[in-house]
């Protein structure tokens, strides 16, 4: 007879407690989403409405897992063969622990092939030397910014190589360097702030490695200089706006072209 009593279900947190937690810690992705659309932020991080994982996100996750594994092997000075990398990719593709993916007929096999071709292209073109040991791989870091009246900043750095921060992205079209620098500034500035806070050193720069999902996959690298003081000021002001918005609970929609692909489109249409 099983004499172990079942654990009681976890007590649901109130909306007030969730918002209080969001005011204590902030990440680049949370900040970006809040500034993009406060109502979408509310649905995702406060109400936590469950949504199926998109095919694009699934492909990106599988590619990211491969690059993380490859870089960790370099850090351990135990380089992986291309066959081992492929096995890692197949395992990552089959992993649905984050939830099911809504595929259109025939879409999964095509995306699966595309994802592997992206990995293969990146590794064959040797954008990061295989024999060069990284400074850090997939390392979670945080920075206490309370002296600035701000919450703790948290994040995970994909790769640091010779004091240069490298972030991986998958894209469906070739990125424009200036637009990529602008649209990713919250993330790159946040990573620079985290790097400086945890090492006491200035990063040599930031690189965005875009793996582009074209018929013939390609890799586009955008190299950015170290964060400048005005960019740090912009980041801190954006974080102040985040705190103010959460305090006031101003979760209003921001209608625009981005809404066409928003997973909360129907919920937003019912908002008033």
C-alpha atoms as a PDB file:
ATOM      1  CA  UNK A   1       0.000   0.000   0.000  1.00  0.00           C
ATOM      2  CA  UNK A   2       1.301   3.387  -0.869  1.00  0.00           C
ATOM      3  CA  UNK A   3       1.314   5.397   2.365  1.00  0.00           C
ATOM      4  CA  UNK A   4       2.770   8.550   0.852  1.00  0.00           C
ATOM      5  CA  UNK A   5       0.268  11.386   0.823  1.00  0.00           C
ATOM      6  CA  UNK A   6      -0.032  13.336  -2.399  1.00  0.00           C
ATOM      7  CA  UNK A   7       1.544  16.765  -2.269  1.00  0.00           C
ATOM      8  CA  UNK A   8      -1.023  19.573  -2.320  1.00  0.00           C
ATOM      9  CA  UNK A   9      -1.201  21.510  -5.586  1.00  0.00           C
ATOM     10  CA  UNK A  10       0.945  24.654  -5.587  1.00  0.00           C
ATOM     11  CA  UNK A  11      -0.973  27.724  -4.549  1.00  0.00           C
ATOM     12  CA  UNK A  12      -1.683  30.000  -7.477  1.00  0.00           C
ATOM     13  CA  UNK A  13       0.103  33.324  -7.225  1.00  0.00           C
ATOM     14  CA  UNK A  14      -1.998  36.435  -7.320  1.00  0.00           C
ATOM     15  CA  UNK A  15      -1.629  38.941 -10.139  1.00  0.00           C
ATOM     16  CA  UNK A  16      -0.261  41.417  -7.598  1.00  0.00           C
ATOM     17  CA  UNK A  17       2.481  38.981  -6.513  1.00  0.00           C
ATOM     18  CA  UNK A  18       3.418  38.182 -10.130  1.00  0.00           C
ATOM     19  CA  UNK A  19       3.769  41.867 -10.972  1.00  0.00           C
ATOM     20  CA  UNK A  20       5.839  42.414  -7.818  1.00  0.00           C
ATOM     21  CA  UNK A  21       8.187  39.629  -8.950  1.00  0.00           C
ATOM     22  CA  UNK A  22       8.494  41.173 -12.409  1.00  0.00           C
ATOM     23  CA  UNK A  23       9.498  44.451 -10.776  1.00  0.00           C
ATOM     24  CA  UNK A  24      12.385  42.758  -8.953  1.00  0.00           C
ATOM     25  CA  UNK A  25      14.060  41.106 -11.969  1.00  0.00           C
ATOM     26  CA  UNK A  26      14.159  42.062 -15.616  1.00  0.00           C
ATOM     27  CA  UNK A  27      15.621  40.472 -18.748  1.00  0.00           C
ATOM     28  CA  UNK A  28      16.239  41.909 -22.196  1.00  0.00           C
ATOM     29  CA  UNK A  29      13.411  39.832 -23.689  1.00  0.00           C
ATOM     30  CA  UNK A  30      10.897  40.989 -21.064  1.00  0.00           C
ATOM     31  CA  UNK A  31      11.922  44.616 -21.496  1.00  0.00           C
ATOM     32  CA  UNK A  32      11.761  44.401 -25.288  1.00  0.00           C
ATOM     33  CA  UNK A  33       8.309  42.853 -25.218  1.00  0.00           C
ATOM     34  CA  UNK A  34       7.010  45.391 -22.689  1.00  0.00           C
ATOM     35  CA  UNK A  35       8.175  48.280 -24.902  1.00  0.00           C
ATOM     36  CA  UNK A  36       6.782  46.564 -28.013  1.00  0.00           C
ATOM     37  CA  UNK A  37       3.288  45.913 -26.599  1.00  0.00           C
ATOM     38  CA  UNK A  38       2.307  46.132 -22.948  1.00  0.00           C
ATOM     39  CA  UNK A  39      -0.828  44.037 -23.464  1.00  0.00           C
ATOM     40  CA  UNK A  40       1.154  41.192 -25.050  1.00  0.00           C
ATOM     41  CA  UNK A  41       3.542  41.389 -22.090  1.00  0.00           C
ATOM     42  CA  UNK A  42       0.538  41.148 -19.760  1.00  0.00           C
ATOM     43  CA  UNK A  43      -0.848  38.071 -21.530  1.00  0.00           C
ATOM     44  CA  UNK A  44       2.525  36.298 -21.580  1.00  0.00           C
ATOM     45  CA  UNK A  45       4.140  37.193 -18.248  1.00  0.00           C
ATOM     46  CA  UNK A  46       1.264  38.152 -15.925  1.00  0.00           C
ATOM     47  CA  UNK A  47      -1.672  35.990 -17.052  1.00  0.00           C
ATOM     48  CA  UNK A  48       0.757  33.408 -18.514  1.00  0.00           C
ATOM     49  CA  UNK A  49      -1.706  32.306 -21.174  1.00  0.00           C
ATOM     50  CA  UNK A  50      -0.418  29.037 -22.694  1.00  0.00           C
ATOM     51  CA  UNK A  51       0.211  29.010 -26.449  1.00  0.00           C
ATOM     52  CA  UNK A  52       1.566  26.301 -28.786  1.00  0.00           C
ATOM     53  CA  UNK A  53       5.220  26.607 -29.721  1.00  0.00           C
ATOM     54  CA  UNK A  54       5.599  28.057 -33.213  1.00  0.00           C
ATOM     55  CA  UNK A  55       7.517  26.146 -35.922  1.00  0.00           C
ATOM     56  CA  UNK A  56       9.962  29.035 -36.241  1.00  0.00           C
ATOM     57  CA  UNK A  57      10.688  28.994 -32.510  1.00  0.00           C
ATOM     58  CA  UNK A  58      11.119  25.206 -32.541  1.00  0.00           C
ATOM     59  CA  UNK A  59      13.625  25.403 -35.401  1.00  0.00           C
ATOM     60  CA  UNK A  60      15.507  28.196 -33.653  1.00  0.00           C
ATOM     61  CA  UNK A  61      15.649  26.231 -30.395  1.00  0.00           C
ATOM     62  CA  UNK A  62      17.058  23.134 -32.130  1.00  0.00           C
ATOM     63  CA  UNK A  63      19.734  25.168 -33.929  1.00  0.00           C
ATOM     64  CA  UNK A  64      20.595  26.986 -30.704  1.00  0.00           C
ATOM     65  CA  UNK A  65      20.990  23.663 -28.867  1.00  0.00           C
ATOM     66  CA  UNK A  66      23.441  22.441 -31.497  1.00  0.00           C
ATOM     67  CA  UNK A  67      25.568  25.591 -31.306  1.00  0.00           C
ATOM     68  CA  UNK A  68      25.522  25.501 -27.506  1.00  0.00           C
ATOM     69  CA  UNK A  69      26.668  21.868 -27.494  1.00  0.00           C
ATOM     70  CA  UNK A  70      29.354  22.563 -30.080  1.00  0.00           C
ATOM     71  CA  UNK A  71      30.697  25.538 -28.121  1.00  0.00           C
ATOM     72  CA  UNK A  72      30.669  23.644 -24.817  1.00  0.00           C
ATOM     73  CA  UNK A  73      32.715  20.880 -26.455  1.00  0.00           C
ATOM     74  CA  UNK A  74      35.206  23.523 -27.618  1.00  0.00           C
ATOM     75  CA  UNK A  75      35.349  24.926 -24.079  1.00  0.00           C
ATOM     76  CA  UNK A  76      36.133  21.412 -22.774  1.00  0.00           C
ATOM     77  CA  UNK A  77      38.717  21.005 -25.557  1.00  0.00           C
ATOM     78  CA  UNK A  78      36.801  17.928 -26.728  1.00  0.00           C
ATOM     79  CA  UNK A  79      35.699  18.875 -30.264  1.00  0.00           C
ATOM     80  CA  UNK A  80      32.674  17.086 -31.729  1.00  0.00           C
ATOM     81  CA  UNK A  81      32.568  15.332 -35.084  1.00  0.00           C
ATOM     82  CA  UNK A  82      29.964  16.450 -37.616  1.00  0.00           C
ATOM     83  CA  UNK A  83      28.190  13.126 -37.048  1.00  0.00           C
ATOM     84  CA  UNK A  84      27.931  13.810 -33.294  1.00  0.00           C
ATOM     85  CA  UNK A  85      26.644  17.297 -34.010  1.00  0.00           C
ATOM     86  CA  UNK A  86      23.972  15.830 -36.299  1.00  0.00           C
ATOM     87  CA  UNK A  87      22.864  13.417 -33.583  1.00  0.00           C
ATOM     88  CA  UNK A  88      22.556  16.355 -31.196  1.00  0.00           C
ATOM     89  CA  UNK A  89      20.379  18.136 -33.739  1.00  0.00           C
ATOM     90  CA  UNK A  90      18.065  15.136 -34.225  1.00  0.00           C
ATOM     91  CA  UNK A  91      17.644  14.779 -30.444  1.00  0.00           C
ATOM     92  CA  UNK A  92      16.915  18.495 -30.052  1.00  0.00           C
ATOM     93  CA  UNK A  93      14.395  18.367 -32.890  1.00  0.00           C
ATOM     94  CA  UNK A  94      12.522  15.469 -31.260  1.00  0.00           C
ATOM     95  CA  UNK A  95      12.376  17.274 -27.903  1.00  0.00           C
ATOM     96  CA  UNK A  96       8.869  18.657 -27.310  1.00  0.00           C
ATOM     97  CA  UNK A  97       9.103  19.152 -23.541  1.00  0.00           C
ATOM     98  CA  UNK A  98       8.274  22.832 -24.032  1.00  0.00           C
ATOM     99  CA  UNK A  99       4.967  21.832 -25.603  1.00  0.00           C
ATOM    100  CA  UNK A 100       3.625  20.599 -28.945  1.00  0.00           C
ATOM    101  CA  UNK A 101       4.266  22.440 -32.188  1.00  0.00           C
ATOM    102  CA  UNK A 102       1.454  23.282 -34.606  1.00  0.00           C
ATOM    103  CA  UNK A 103       2.748  22.111 -38.003  1.00  0.00           C
ATOM    104  CA  UNK A 104       1.080  22.580 -41.350  1.00  0.00           C
ATOM    105  CA  UNK A 105       1.016  19.430 -43.575  1.00  0.00           C
ATOM    106  CA  UNK A 106       4.547  18.700 -44.843  1.00  0.00           C
ATOM    107  CA  UNK A 107       6.008  21.636 -42.924  1.00  0.00           C
ATOM    108  CA  UNK A 108       7.921  19.726 -40.266  1.00  0.00           C
ATOM    109  CA  UNK A 109      10.202  17.739 -42.576  1.00  0.00           C
ATOM    110  CA  UNK A 110      11.000  20.846 -44.617  1.00  0.00           C
ATOM    111  CA  UNK A 111      11.846  22.861 -41.517  1.00  0.00           C
ATOM    112  CA  UNK A 112      13.852  19.983 -40.077  1.00  0.00           C
ATOM    113  CA  UNK A 113      16.018  19.917 -43.208  1.00  0.00           C
ATOM    114  CA  UNK A 114      16.370  23.704 -43.176  1.00  0.00           C
ATOM    115  CA  UNK A 115      17.492  23.707 -39.542  1.00  0.00           C
ATOM    116  CA  UNK A 116      20.218  21.154 -40.125  1.00  0.00           C
ATOM    117  CA  UNK A 117      21.448  22.951 -43.249  1.00  0.00           C
ATOM    118  CA  UNK A 118      21.804  26.113 -41.138  1.00  0.00           C
ATOM    119  CA  UNK A 119      23.929  24.254 -38.564  1.00  0.00           C
ATOM    120  CA  UNK A 120      26.010  22.555 -41.234  1.00  0.00           C
ATOM    121  CA  UNK A 121      26.624  25.832 -43.073  1.00  0.00           C
ATOM    122  CA  UNK A 122      27.660  27.636 -39.896  1.00  0.00           C
ATOM    123  CA  UNK A 123      30.124  24.963 -38.810  1.00  0.00           C
ATOM    124  CA  UNK A 124      31.597  24.350 -42.273  1.00  0.00           C
ATOM    125  CA  UNK A 125      32.211  28.063 -42.842  1.00  0.00           C
ATOM    126  CA  UNK A 126      34.135  28.193 -39.521  1.00  0.00           C
ATOM    127  CA  UNK A 127      32.760  31.523 -38.315  1.00  0.00           C
ATOM    128  CA  UNK A 128      34.183  30.665 -34.888  1.00  0.00           C
ATOM    129  CA  UNK A 129      37.516  28.773 -34.955  1.00  0.00           C
ATOM    130  CA  UNK A 130      36.958  25.259 -33.582  1.00  0.00           C
ATOM    131  CA  UNK A 131      40.328  25.209 -31.769  1.00  0.00           C
ATOM    132  CA  UNK A 132      39.884  28.546 -29.993  1.00  0.00           C
ATOM    133  CA  UNK A 133      38.688  28.034 -26.402  1.00  0.00           C
ATOM    134  CA  UNK A 134      35.737  30.284 -25.526  1.00  0.00           C
ATOM    135  CA  UNK A 135      35.769  32.547 -22.465  1.00  0.00           C
ATOM    136  CA  UNK A 136      32.240  31.400 -21.558  1.00  0.00           C
ATOM    137  CA  UNK A 137      29.383  29.393 -23.069  1.00  0.00           C
ATOM    138  CA  UNK A 138      25.681  29.719 -22.246  1.00  0.00           C
ATOM    139  CA  UNK A 139      26.400  31.315 -18.898  1.00  0.00           C
ATOM    140  CA  UNK A 140      23.550  32.770 -16.770  1.00  0.00           C
ATOM    141  CA  UNK A 141      24.507  36.125 -15.292  1.00  0.00           C
ATOM    142  CA  UNK A 142      22.844  38.936 -13.389  1.00  0.00           C
ATOM    143  CA  UNK A 143      23.620  42.489 -12.345  1.00  0.00           C
ATOM    144  CA  UNK A 144      22.332  44.274  -9.257  1.00  0.00           C
ATOM    145  CA  UNK A 145      21.252  47.719 -10.470  1.00  0.00           C
ATOM    146  CA  UNK A 146      19.481  48.792  -7.284  1.00  0.00           C
ATOM    147  CA  UNK A 147      22.000  51.632  -6.823  1.00  0.00           C
ATOM    148  CA  UNK A 148      20.438  53.104  -9.989  1.00  0.00           C
ATOM    149  CA  UNK A 149      16.915  52.566  -8.656  1.00  0.00           C
ATOM    150  CA  UNK A 150      16.471  49.673 -11.093  1.00  0.00           C
ATOM    151  CA  UNK A 151      15.691  45.950 -10.725  1.00  0.00           C
ATOM    152  CA  UNK A 152      18.207  43.124 -11.051  1.00  0.00           C
ATOM    153  CA  UNK A 153      19.108  42.525 -14.677  1.00  0.00           C
ATOM    154  CA  UNK A 154      19.332  38.861 -15.673  1.00  0.00           C
ATOM    155  CA  UNK A 155      20.331  37.076 -18.864  1.00  0.00           C
ATOM    156  CA  UNK A 156      22.181  34.193 -20.498  1.00  0.00           C
ATOM    157  CA  UNK A 157      25.187  34.915 -22.722  1.00  0.00           C
ATOM    158  CA  UNK A 158      25.328  32.500 -25.678  1.00  0.00           C
ATOM    159  CA  UNK A 159      29.081  32.798 -26.171  1.00  0.00           C
ATOM    160  CA  UNK A 160      31.963  35.018 -25.090  1.00  0.00           C
ATOM    161  CA  UNK A 161      35.093  34.723 -27.193  1.00  0.00           C
ATOM    162  CA  UNK A 162      38.184  36.877 -26.550  1.00  0.00           C
ATOM    163  CA  UNK A 163      36.003  39.313 -24.537  1.00  0.00           C
ATOM    164  CA  UNK A 164      33.579  39.609 -27.457  1.00  0.00           C
ATOM    165  CA  UNK A 165      29.922  38.774 -26.783  1.00  0.00           C
ATOM    166  CA  UNK A 166      28.345  36.622 -29.514  1.00  0.00           C
ATOM    167  CA  UNK A 167      24.600  36.103 -29.831  1.00  0.00           C
ATOM    168  CA  UNK A 168      22.961  33.615 -32.204  1.00  0.00           C
ATOM    169  CA  UNK A 169      19.784  34.268 -34.153  1.00  0.00           C
ATOM    170  CA  UNK A 170      17.863  32.567 -36.935  1.00  0.00           C
ATOM    171  CA  UNK A 171      16.206  34.779 -39.549  1.00  0.00           C
ATOM    172  CA  UNK A 172      14.034  34.325 -42.629  1.00  0.00           C
ATOM    173  CA  UNK A 173      15.672  37.166 -44.569  1.00  0.00           C
ATOM    174  CA  UNK A 174      19.075  38.836 -44.774  1.00  0.00           C
ATOM    175  CA  UNK A 175      19.356  41.414 -41.975  1.00  0.00           C
ATOM    176  CA  UNK A 176      20.338  45.011 -42.664  1.00  0.00           C
ATOM    177  CA  UNK A 177      23.323  45.861 -40.412  1.00  0.00           C
ATOM    178  CA  UNK A 178      21.979  49.235 -39.207  1.00  0.00           C
ATOM    179  CA  UNK A 179      18.466  47.889 -38.596  1.00  0.00           C
ATOM    180  CA  UNK A 180      19.870  44.809 -36.844  1.00  0.00           C
ATOM    181  CA  UNK A 181      21.952  47.032 -34.556  1.00  0.00           C
ATOM    182  CA  UNK A 182      18.913  49.180 -33.731  1.00  0.00           C
ATOM    183  CA  UNK A 183      16.316  46.436 -33.309  1.00  0.00           C
ATOM    184  CA  UNK A 184      18.626  44.405 -31.050  1.00  0.00           C
ATOM    185  CA  UNK A 185      19.993  47.310 -29.008  1.00  0.00           C
ATOM    186  CA  UNK A 186      18.104  46.457 -25.815  1.00  0.00           C
ATOM    187  CA  UNK A 187      19.583  42.961 -25.929  1.00  0.00           C
ATOM    188  CA  UNK A 188      23.133  43.970 -26.858  1.00  0.00           C
ATOM    189  CA  UNK A 189      23.234  46.772 -24.277  1.00  0.00           C
ATOM    190  CA  UNK A 190      21.839  44.445 -21.615  1.00  0.00           C
ATOM    191  CA  UNK A 191      24.489  41.839 -22.394  1.00  0.00           C
ATOM    192  CA  UNK A 192      27.240  44.471 -22.268  1.00  0.00           C
ATOM    193  CA  UNK A 193      25.964  45.662 -18.888  1.00  0.00           C
ATOM    194  CA  UNK A 194      25.880  42.087 -17.598  1.00  0.00           C
ATOM    195  CA  UNK A 195      29.383  41.361 -18.910  1.00  0.00           C
ATOM    196  CA  UNK A 196      30.871  44.463 -17.309  1.00  0.00           C
ATOM    197  CA  UNK A 197      29.102  43.885 -14.019  1.00  0.00           C
ATOM    198  CA  UNK A 198      30.359  40.291 -13.757  1.00  0.00           C
ATOM    199  CA  UNK A 199      33.915  40.712 -15.073  1.00  0.00           C
ATOM    200  CA  UNK A 200      34.833  44.287 -14.185  1.00  0.00           C
ATOM    201  CA  UNK A 201      36.089  44.636 -17.772  1.00  0.00           C
ATOM    202  CA  UNK A 202      34.811  46.306 -20.929  1.00  0.00           C
ATOM    203  CA  UNK A 203      33.732  43.961 -23.708  1.00  0.00           C
ATOM    204  CA  UNK A 204      35.668  44.279 -26.974  1.00  0.00           C
ATOM    205  CA  UNK A 205      32.338  44.357 -28.816  1.00  0.00           C
ATOM    206  CA  UNK A 206      29.212  42.389 -29.660  1.00  0.00           C
ATOM    207  CA  UNK A 207      28.553  40.197 -32.685  1.00  0.00           C
ATOM    208  CA  UNK A 208      25.130  39.142 -33.933  1.00  0.00           C
ATOM    209  CA  UNK A 209      25.419  35.874 -35.855  1.00  0.00           C
ATOM    210  CA  UNK A 210      22.304  35.581 -38.035  1.00  0.00           C
ATOM    211  CA  UNK A 211      21.754  32.130 -39.584  1.00  0.00           C
ATOM    212  CA  UNK A 212      19.515  32.994 -42.535  1.00  0.00           C
ATOM    213  CA  UNK A 213      16.903  30.469 -43.722  1.00  0.00           C
ATOM    214  CA  UNK A 214      17.295  30.927 -47.474  1.00  0.00           C
ATOM    215  CA  UNK A 215      17.230  28.281 -50.222  1.00  0.00           C
ATOM    216  CA  UNK A 216      20.995  28.425 -49.900  1.00  0.00           C
ATOM    217  CA  UNK A 217      21.511  29.106 -46.180  1.00  0.00           C
ATOM    218  CA  UNK A 218      24.021  31.735 -45.224  1.00  0.00           C
ATOM    219  CA  UNK A 219      25.488  33.360 -42.145  1.00  0.00           C
ATOM    220  CA  UNK A 220      25.492  37.132 -41.716  1.00  0.00           C
ATOM    221  CA  UNK A 221      27.631  38.588 -38.938  1.00  0.00           C
ATOM    222  CA  UNK A 222      26.962  42.091 -37.624  1.00  0.00           C
ATOM    223  CA  UNK A 223      29.865  43.423 -35.574  1.00  0.00           C
ATOM    224  CA  UNK A 224      29.107  46.161 -33.054  1.00  0.00           C
ATOM    225  CA  UNK A 225      31.493  48.232 -30.926  1.00  0.00           C
ATOM    226  CA  UNK A 226      31.393  48.197 -27.098  1.00  0.00           C
ATOM    227  CA  UNK A 227      28.322  49.819 -25.540  1.00  0.00           C
ATOM    228  CA  UNK A 228      28.641  53.613 -25.488  1.00  0.00           C
ATOM    229  CA  UNK A 229      27.533  55.749 -22.492  1.00  0.00           C
ATOM    230  CA  UNK A 230      24.443  57.095 -24.367  1.00  0.00           C
ATOM    231  CA  UNK A 231      23.339  53.512 -25.021  1.00  0.00           C
ATOM    232  CA  UNK A 232      23.654  52.681 -21.324  1.00  0.00           C
ATOM    233  CA  UNK A 233      21.565  55.771 -20.519  1.00  0.00           C
ATOM    234  CA  UNK A 234      18.912  54.676 -23.044  1.00  0.00           C
ATOM    235  CA  UNK A 235      18.805  51.212 -21.479  1.00  0.00           C
ATOM    236  CA  UNK A 236      18.372  52.577 -17.971  1.00  0.00           C
ATOM    237  CA  UNK A 237      15.611  54.982 -19.094  1.00  0.00           C
ATOM    238  CA  UNK A 238      13.819  52.099 -20.825  1.00  0.00           C
ATOM    239  CA  UNK A 239      14.032  50.110 -17.597  1.00  0.00           C
ATOM    240  CA  UNK A 240      12.603  53.091 -15.683  1.00  0.00           C
ATOM    241  CA  UNK A 241       9.657  53.176 -18.124  1.00  0.00           C
ATOM    242  CA  UNK A 242       9.176  49.434 -17.531  1.00  0.00           C
ATOM    243  CA  UNK A 243       9.045  49.918 -13.760  1.00  0.00           C
ATOM    244  CA  UNK A 244       6.666  52.871 -14.076  1.00  0.00           C
ATOM    245  CA  UNK A 245       4.370  50.938 -16.404  1.00  0.00           C
ATOM    246  CA  UNK A 246       4.228  47.948 -14.077  1.00  0.00           C
ATOM    247  CA  UNK A 247       3.585  50.184 -11.086  1.00  0.00           C
ATOM    248  CA  UNK A 248       0.658  51.836 -12.888  1.00  0.00           C
ATOM    249  CA  UNK A 249      -0.400  48.539 -14.505  1.00  0.00           C
ATOM    250  CA  UNK A 250      -0.733  50.275 -17.861  1.00  0.00           C
ATOM    251  CA  UNK A 251      -1.174  47.157 -19.969  1.00  0.00           C
ATOM    252  CA  UNK A 252      -2.549  48.694 -23.161  1.00  0.00           C
ATOM    253  CA  UNK A 253      -2.316  47.314 -26.735  1.00  0.00           C
ATOM    254  CA  UNK A 254      -0.007  48.755 -29.428  1.00  0.00           C
ATOM    255  CA  UNK A 255      -1.752  47.908 -32.734  1.00  0.00           C
ATOM    256  CA  UNK A 256       0.547  47.617 -35.766  1.00  0.00           C
ATOM    257  CA  UNK A 257       1.905  45.324 -38.444  1.00  0.00           C
ATOM    258  CA  UNK A 258       3.503  43.128 -35.765  1.00  0.00           C
ATOM    259  CA  UNK A 259      -0.010  42.093 -34.645  1.00  0.00           C
ATOM    260  CA  UNK A 260      -0.484  39.917 -37.744  1.00  0.00           C
ATOM    261  CA  UNK A 261       1.823  37.263 -36.293  1.00  0.00           C
ATOM    262  CA  UNK A 262       0.939  37.777 -32.625  1.00  0.00           C
ATOM    263  CA  UNK A 263      -0.212  34.644 -30.806  1.00  0.00           C
ATOM    264  CA  UNK A 264      -2.517  36.772 -28.634  1.00  0.00           C
ATOM    265  CA  UNK A 265      -4.347  38.414 -31.564  1.00  0.00           C
ATOM    266  CA  UNK A 266      -7.789  37.072 -30.583  1.00  0.00           C
ATOM    267  CA  UNK A 267      -7.363  37.932 -26.898  1.00  0.00           C
ATOM    268  CA  UNK A 268      -6.257  41.435 -27.876  1.00  0.00           C
ATOM    269  CA  UNK A 269      -9.346  41.975 -30.075  1.00  0.00           C
ATOM    270  CA  UNK A 270     -11.549  41.215 -27.072  1.00  0.00           C
ATOM    271  CA  UNK A 271      -9.669  43.640 -24.785  1.00  0.00           C
ATOM    272  CA  UNK A 272     -11.360  46.904 -23.764  1.00  0.00           C
END
